[in-house]
Amino acid sequence: MFMQSLMLLAVDRGLDTCAQEFWARYPQTVAKFVNLPDDHMVFSGMAMGYRDPPTRSTLAHATRPLRGLV
């Protein structure tokens, strides 16, 4: 619930977030890297920041109507 609330508050302030539960697969590695006390555990991480502005694709590609594919 804490992460969800934090993510909603971030979006309300114009930030984007991405929950990253995969960090929990490497608890000892992450704990050692961030000097986490022994009585704490890694559950998940979260990226937070401003979204990159949209860009136009420069890739040239041909499209076919859906009717021709189905």
PDB file of N, CA and C in Angstrom:
ATOM      1  N   MET A   1       0.815  -1.188   0.000  1.00  0.00           N
ATOM      2  CA  MET A   1       0.000   0.000   0.000  1.00  0.00           C
ATOM      3  C   MET A   1       0.865   1.260   0.000  1.00  0.00           C
ATOM      4  N   PHE A   2       2.011   1.194   0.677  1.00  0.00           N
ATOM      5  CA  PHE A   2       2.862   2.376   0.728  1.00  0.00           C
ATOM      6  C   PHE A   2       3.357   2.757  -0.662  1.00  0.00           C
ATOM      7  N   MET A   3       3.855   1.761  -1.412  1.00  0.00           N
ATOM      8  CA  MET A   3       4.364   2.064  -2.754  1.00  0.00           C
ATOM      9  C   MET A   3       3.265   2.595  -3.658  1.00  0.00           C
ATOM     10  N   GLN A   4       2.089   1.987  -3.582  1.00  0.00           N
ATOM     11  CA  GLN A   4       0.974   2.448  -4.412  1.00  0.00           C
ATOM     12  C   GLN A   4       0.637   3.897  -4.082  1.00  0.00           C
ATOM     13  N   SER A   5       0.579   4.228  -2.806  1.00  0.00           N
ATOM     14  CA  SER A   5       0.275   5.603  -2.403  1.00  0.00           C
ATOM     15  C   SER A   5       1.353   6.561  -2.875  1.00  0.00           C
ATOM     16  N   LEU A   6       2.613   6.153  -2.725  1.00  0.00           N
ATOM     17  CA  LEU A   6       3.720   6.994  -3.167  1.00  0.00           C
ATOM     18  C   LEU A   6       3.684   7.203  -4.683  1.00  0.00           C
ATOM     19  N   MET A   7       3.363   6.151  -5.420  1.00  0.00           N
ATOM     20  CA  MET A   7       3.286   6.253  -6.879  1.00  0.00           C
ATOM     21  C   MET A   7       2.145   7.178  -7.309  1.00  0.00           C
ATOM     22  N   LEU A   8       1.007   7.080  -6.649  1.00  0.00           N
ATOM     23  CA  LEU A   8      -0.116   7.958  -6.975  1.00  0.00           C
ATOM     24  C   LEU A   8       0.204   9.410  -6.648  1.00  0.00           C
ATOM     25  N   LEU A   9       0.871   9.643  -5.533  1.00  0.00           N
ATOM     26  CA  LEU A   9       1.269  11.013  -5.183  1.00  0.00           C
ATOM     27  C   LEU A   9       2.268  11.575  -6.193  1.00  0.00           C
ATOM     28  N   ALA A  10       3.185  10.729  -6.650  1.00  0.00           N
ATOM     29  CA  ALA A  10       4.170  11.163  -7.639  1.00  0.00           C
ATOM     30  C   ALA A  10       3.491  11.567  -8.943  1.00  0.00           C
ATOM     31  N   VAL A  11       2.561  10.743  -9.417  1.00  0.00           N
ATOM     32  CA  VAL A  11       1.835  11.062 -10.648  1.00  0.00           C
ATOM     33  C   VAL A  11       1.061  12.361 -10.486  1.00  0.00           C
ATOM     34  N   ASP A  12       0.491  12.575  -9.318  1.00  0.00           N
ATOM     35  CA  ASP A  12      -0.243  13.806  -9.049  1.00  0.00           C
ATOM     36  C   ASP A  12       0.654  15.033  -9.146  1.00  0.00           C
ATOM     37  N   ARG A  13       1.950  14.832  -8.934  1.00  0.00           N
ATOM     38  CA  ARG A  13       2.908  15.936  -9.001  1.00  0.00           C
ATOM     39  C   ARG A  13       3.705  15.952 -10.305  1.00  0.00           C
ATOM     40  N   GLY A  14       3.240  15.178 -11.292  1.00  0.00           N
ATOM     41  CA  GLY A  14       3.848  15.220 -12.621  1.00  0.00           C
ATOM     42  C   GLY A  14       5.013  14.274 -12.840  1.00  0.00           C
ATOM     43  N   LEU A  15       5.222  13.334 -11.933  1.00  0.00           N
ATOM     44  CA  LEU A  15       6.305  12.369 -12.082  1.00  0.00           C
ATOM     45  C   LEU A  15       5.736  11.025 -12.519  1.00  0.00           C
ATOM     46  N   ASP A  16       6.521  10.260 -13.225  1.00  0.00           N
ATOM     47  CA  ASP A  16       6.150   8.898 -13.588  1.00  0.00           C
ATOM     48  C   ASP A  16       6.926   7.931 -12.714  1.00  0.00           C
ATOM     49  N   THR A  17       6.367   6.758 -12.496  1.00  0.00           N
ATOM     50  CA  THR A  17       7.005   5.759 -11.650  1.00  0.00           C
ATOM     51  C   THR A  17       6.946   4.391 -12.313  1.00  0.00           C
ATOM     52  N   CYS A  18       7.807   3.512 -11.835  1.00  0.00           N
ATOM     53  CA  CYS A  18       7.799   2.132 -12.311  1.00  0.00           C
ATOM     54  C   CYS A  18       8.221   1.236 -11.142  1.00  0.00           C
ATOM     55  N   ALA A  19       7.274   0.439 -10.656  1.00  0.00           N
ATOM     56  CA  ALA A  19       7.589  -0.499  -9.573  1.00  0.00           C
ATOM     57  C   ALA A  19       8.480  -1.605 -10.123  1.00  0.00           C
ATOM     58  N   GLN A  20       9.474  -2.007  -9.333  1.00  0.00           N
ATOM     59  CA  GLN A  20      10.455  -2.988  -9.796  1.00  0.00           C
ATOM     60  C   GLN A  20      10.634  -4.072  -8.733  1.00  0.00           C
ATOM     61  N   GLU A  21       9.735  -5.042  -8.739  1.00  0.00           N
ATOM     62  CA  GLU A  21       9.768  -6.118  -7.762  1.00  0.00           C
ATOM     63  C   GLU A  21      10.922  -7.087  -8.018  1.00  0.00           C
ATOM     64  N   PHE A  22      11.499  -7.053  -9.194  1.00  0.00           N
ATOM     65  CA  PHE A  22      12.578  -7.976  -9.550  1.00  0.00           C
ATOM     66  C   PHE A  22      13.777  -7.864  -8.604  1.00  0.00           C
ATOM     67  N   TRP A  23      13.960  -6.691  -7.998  1.00  0.00           N
ATOM     68  CA  TRP A  23      15.087  -6.518  -7.065  1.00  0.00           C
ATOM     69  C   TRP A  23      15.021  -7.516  -5.927  1.00  0.00           C
ATOM     70  N   ALA A  24      13.831  -7.975  -5.574  1.00  0.00           N
ATOM     71  CA  ALA A  24      13.678  -8.920  -4.466  1.00  0.00           C
ATOM     72  C   ALA A  24      14.298 -10.280  -4.779  1.00  0.00           C
ATOM     73  N   ARG A  25      14.601 -10.540  -6.024  1.00  0.00           N
ATOM     74  CA  ARG A  25      15.248 -11.810  -6.384  1.00  0.00           C
ATOM     75  C   ARG A  25      16.727 -11.828  -5.982  1.00  0.00           C
ATOM     76  N   TYR A  26      17.290 -10.670  -5.709  1.00  0.00           N
ATOM     77  CA  TYR A  26      18.710 -10.562  -5.331  1.00  0.00           C
ATOM     78  C   TYR A  26      18.853  -9.796  -4.019  1.00  0.00           C
ATOM     79  N   PRO A  27      18.215 -10.267  -2.953  1.00  0.00           N
ATOM     80  CA  PRO A  27      18.199  -9.473  -1.724  1.00  0.00           C
ATOM     81  C   PRO A  27      19.579  -9.240  -1.104  1.00  0.00           C
ATOM     82  N   GLN A  28      20.435 -10.245  -1.111  1.00  0.00           N
ATOM     83  CA  GLN A  28      21.759 -10.054  -0.494  1.00  0.00           C
ATOM     84  C   GLN A  28      22.610  -9.083  -1.307  1.00  0.00           C
ATOM     85  N   THR A  29      22.552  -9.188  -2.615  1.00  0.00           N
ATOM     86  CA  THR A  29      23.337  -8.302  -3.476  1.00  0.00           C
ATOM     87  C   THR A  29      22.918  -6.856  -3.291  1.00  0.00           C
ATOM     88  N   VAL A  30      21.618  -6.613  -3.323  1.00  0.00           N
ATOM     89  CA  VAL A  30      21.106  -5.245  -3.160  1.00  0.00           C
ATOM     90  C   VAL A  30      21.398  -4.742  -1.755  1.00  0.00           C
ATOM     91  N   ALA A  31      21.157  -5.563  -0.755  1.00  0.00           N
ATOM     92  CA  ALA A  31      21.396  -5.153   0.632  1.00  0.00           C
ATOM     93  C   ALA A  31      22.851  -4.769   0.858  1.00  0.00           C
ATOM     94  N   LYS A  32      23.750  -5.532   0.285  1.00  0.00           N
ATOM     95  CA  LYS A  32      25.174  -5.222   0.435  1.00  0.00           C
ATOM     96  C   LYS A  32      25.517  -3.903  -0.270  1.00  0.00           C
ATOM     97  N   PHE A  33      24.947  -3.698  -1.458  1.00  0.00           N
ATOM     98  CA  PHE A  33      25.245  -2.496  -2.234  1.00  0.00           C
ATOM     99  C   PHE A  33      24.766  -1.227  -1.535  1.00  0.00           C
ATOM    100  N   VAL A  34      23.597  -1.288  -0.879  1.00  0.00           N
ATOM    101  CA  VAL A  34      23.040  -0.094  -0.231  1.00  0.00           C
ATOM    102  C   VAL A  34      23.303  -0.078   1.280  1.00  0.00           C
ATOM    103  N   ASN A  35      24.163  -1.001   1.759  1.00  0.00           N
ATOM    104  CA  ASN A  35      24.498  -1.090   3.191  1.00  0.00           C
ATOM    105  C   ASN A  35      23.250  -1.211   4.061  1.00  0.00           C
ATOM    106  N   LEU A  36      22.369  -2.121   3.711  1.00  0.00           N
ATOM    107  CA  LEU A  36      21.128  -2.325   4.438  1.00  0.00           C
ATOM    108  C   LEU A  36      21.417  -3.075   5.740  1.00  0.00           C
ATOM    109  N   PRO A  37      20.846  -2.625   6.848  1.00  0.00           N
ATOM    110  CA  PRO A  37      21.057  -3.347   8.116  1.00  0.00           C
ATOM    111  C   PRO A  37      20.521  -4.776   8.021  1.00  0.00           C
ATOM    112  N   ASP A  38      21.065  -5.663   8.854  1.00  0.00           N
ATOM    113  CA  ASP A  38      20.678  -7.073   8.828  1.00  0.00           C
ATOM    114  C   ASP A  38      19.204  -7.297   9.146  1.00  0.00           C
ATOM    115  N   ASP A  39      18.589  -6.393   9.915  1.00  0.00           N
ATOM    116  CA  ASP A  39      17.187  -6.586  10.291  1.00  0.00           C
ATOM    117  C   ASP A  39      16.212  -5.981   9.276  1.00  0.00           C
ATOM    118  N   HIS A  40      16.705  -5.600   8.082  1.00  0.00           N
ATOM    119  CA  HIS A  40      15.866  -5.094   6.993  1.00  0.00           C
ATOM    120  C   HIS A  40      15.903  -6.082   5.835  1.00  0.00           C
ATOM    121  N   MET A  41      14.896  -6.020   4.978  1.00  0.00           N
ATOM    122  CA  MET A  41      14.895  -6.883   3.803  1.00  0.00           C
ATOM    123  C   MET A  41      14.479  -6.097   2.570  1.00  0.00           C
ATOM    124  N   VAL A  42      14.965  -6.530   1.431  1.00  0.00           N
ATOM    125  CA  VAL A  42      14.617  -5.907   0.157  1.00  0.00           C
ATOM    126  C   VAL A  42      13.340  -6.568  -0.341  1.00  0.00           C
ATOM    127  N   PHE A  43      12.338  -5.750  -0.607  1.00  0.00           N
ATOM    128  CA  PHE A  43      11.095  -6.275  -1.167  1.00  0.00           C
ATOM    129  C   PHE A  43      10.937  -5.858  -2.620  1.00  0.00           C
ATOM    130  N   SER A  44      11.172  -4.596  -2.897  1.00  0.00           N
ATOM    131  CA  SER A  44      11.058  -4.096  -4.263  1.00  0.00           C
ATOM    132  C   SER A  44      11.744  -2.746  -4.359  1.00  0.00           C
ATOM    133  N   GLY A  45      11.865  -2.274  -5.582  1.00  0.00           N
ATOM    134  CA  GLY A  45      12.417  -0.953  -5.833  1.00  0.00           C
ATOM    135  C   GLY A  45      11.421  -0.146  -6.647  1.00  0.00           C
ATOM    136  N   MET A  46      11.771   1.099  -6.879  1.00  0.00           N
ATOM    137  CA  MET A  46      10.903   1.938  -7.691  1.00  0.00           C
ATOM    138  C   MET A  46      11.741   2.995  -8.403  1.00  0.00           C
ATOM    139  N   ALA A  47      11.496   3.110  -9.689  1.00  0.00           N
ATOM    140  CA  ALA A  47      12.089   4.197 -10.459  1.00  0.00           C
ATOM    141  C   ALA A  47      11.086   5.347 -10.459  1.00  0.00           C
ATOM    142  N   MET A  48      11.601   6.566 -10.363  1.00  0.00           N
ATOM    143  CA  MET A  48      10.736   7.740 -10.369  1.00  0.00           C
ATOM    144  C   MET A  48      11.443   8.854 -11.119  1.00  0.00           C
ATOM    145  N   GLY A  49      10.715   9.535 -11.974  1.00  0.00           N
ATOM    146  CA  GLY A  49      11.322  10.644 -12.700  1.00  0.00           C
ATOM    147  C   GLY A  49      10.369  11.233 -13.714  1.00  0.00           C
ATOM    148  N   TYR A  50      10.891  12.140 -14.499  1.00  0.00           N
ATOM    149  CA  TYR A  50      10.085  12.790 -15.524  1.00  0.00           C
ATOM    150  C   TYR A  50      10.168  11.997 -16.823  1.00  0.00           C
ATOM    151  N   ARG A  51       9.036  11.835 -17.459  1.00  0.00           N
ATOM    152  CA  ARG A  51       8.955  11.105 -18.716  1.00  0.00           C
ATOM    153  C   ARG A  51       9.671  11.881 -19.814  1.00  0.00           C
ATOM    154  N   ASP A  52      10.356  11.155 -20.697  1.00  0.00           N
ATOM    155  CA  ASP A  52      10.963  11.785 -21.867  1.00  0.00           C
ATOM    156  C   ASP A  52       9.864  12.317 -22.770  1.00  0.00           C
ATOM    157  N   PRO A  53      10.111  13.449 -23.427  1.00  0.00           N
ATOM    158  CA  PRO A  53       9.092  13.958 -24.348  1.00  0.00           C
ATOM    159  C   PRO A  53       8.899  12.989 -25.505  1.00  0.00           C
ATOM    160  N   PRO A  54       7.680  12.912 -26.038  1.00  0.00           N
ATOM    161  CA  PRO A  54       7.448  12.000 -27.162  1.00  0.00           C
ATOM    162  C   PRO A  54       8.267  12.403 -28.383  1.00  0.00           C
ATOM    163  N   THR A  55       8.697  11.412 -29.118  1.00  0.00           N
ATOM    164  CA  THR A  55       9.465  11.676 -30.338  1.00  0.00           C
ATOM    165  C   THR A  55       8.772  11.010 -31.511  1.00  0.00           C
ATOM    166  N   ARG A  56       9.030  11.526 -32.674  1.00  0.00           N
ATOM    167  CA  ARG A  56       8.484  10.916 -33.888  1.00  0.00           C
ATOM    168  C   ARG A  56       9.440   9.833 -34.352  1.00  0.00           C
ATOM    169  N   SER A  57       8.894   8.730 -34.748  1.00  0.00           N
ATOM    170  CA  SER A  57       9.716   7.630 -35.243  1.00  0.00           C
ATOM    171  C   SER A  57      10.299   8.010 -36.597  1.00  0.00           C
ATOM    172  N   THR A  58      11.571   7.729 -36.761  1.00  0.00           N
ATOM    173  CA  THR A  58      12.223   7.998 -38.047  1.00  0.00           C
ATOM    174  C   THR A  58      12.355   6.721 -38.863  1.00  0.00           C
ATOM    175  N   LEU A  59      11.819   5.628 -38.343  1.00  0.00           N
ATOM    176  CA  LEU A  59      11.894   4.369 -39.075  1.00  0.00           C
ATOM    177  C   LEU A  59      10.840   4.363 -40.178  1.00  0.00           C
ATOM    178  N   ALA A  60      11.264   3.993 -41.358  1.00  0.00           N
ATOM    179  CA  ALA A  60      10.325   3.874 -42.471  1.00  0.00           C
ATOM    180  C   ALA A  60       9.759   2.463 -42.469  1.00  0.00           C
ATOM    181  N   HIS A  61       8.460   2.366 -42.520  1.00  0.00           N
ATOM    182  CA  HIS A  61       7.844   1.050 -42.562  1.00  0.00           C
ATOM    183  C   HIS A  61       6.549   1.121 -43.370  1.00  0.00           C
ATOM    184  N   ALA A  62       6.282   0.046 -44.003  1.00  0.00           N
ATOM    185  CA  ALA A  62       5.060  -0.035 -44.793  1.00  0.00           C
ATOM    186  C   ALA A  62       3.973  -0.679 -43.953  1.00  0.00           C
ATOM    187  N   THR A  63       2.777  -0.208 -44.087  1.00  0.00           N
ATOM    188  CA  THR A  63       1.654  -0.805 -43.356  1.00  0.00           C
ATOM    189  C   THR A  63       0.649  -1.348 -44.366  1.00  0.00           C
ATOM    190  N   ARG A  64      -0.023  -2.397 -43.932  1.00  0.00           N
ATOM    191  CA  ARG A  64      -1.074  -2.966 -44.753  1.00  0.00           C
ATOM    192  C   ARG A  64      -2.382  -2.858 -43.989  1.00  0.00           C
ATOM    193  N   PRO A  65      -3.462  -2.703 -44.696  1.00  0.00           N
ATOM    194  CA  PRO A  65      -4.758  -2.644 -43.994  1.00  0.00           C
ATOM    195  C   PRO A  65      -5.025  -3.939 -43.231  1.00  0.00           C
ATOM    196  N   LEU A  66      -5.695  -3.830 -42.117  1.00  0.00           N
ATOM    197  CA  LEU A  66      -6.028  -4.995 -41.302  1.00  0.00           C
ATOM    198  C   LEU A  66      -6.845  -6.005 -42.107  1.00  0.00           C
ATOM    199  N   ARG A  67      -7.698  -5.510 -42.972  1.00  0.00           N
ATOM    200  CA  ARG A  67      -8.563  -6.392 -43.772  1.00  0.00           C
ATOM    201  C   ARG A  67      -7.711  -7.371 -44.593  1.00  0.00           C
ATOM    202  N   GLY A  68      -6.563  -6.954 -45.042  1.00  0.00           N
ATOM    203  CA  GLY A  68      -5.718  -7.828 -45.834  1.00  0.00           C
ATOM    204  C   GLY A  68      -4.986  -8.873 -45.008  1.00  0.00           C
ATOM    205  N   LEU A  69      -4.945  -8.712 -43.711  1.00  0.00           N
ATOM    206  CA  LEU A  69      -4.218  -9.652 -42.849  1.00  0.00           C
ATOM    207  C   LEU A  69      -5.130 -10.690 -42.212  1.00  0.00           C
ATOM    208  N   VAL A  70      -6.384 -10.356 -42.070  1.00  0.00           N
ATOM    209  CA  VAL A  70      -7.315 -11.247 -41.353  1.00  0.00           C
ATOM    210  C   VAL A  70      -8.084 -12.119 -42.299  1.00  0.00           C
TER     211      VAL A  70
END
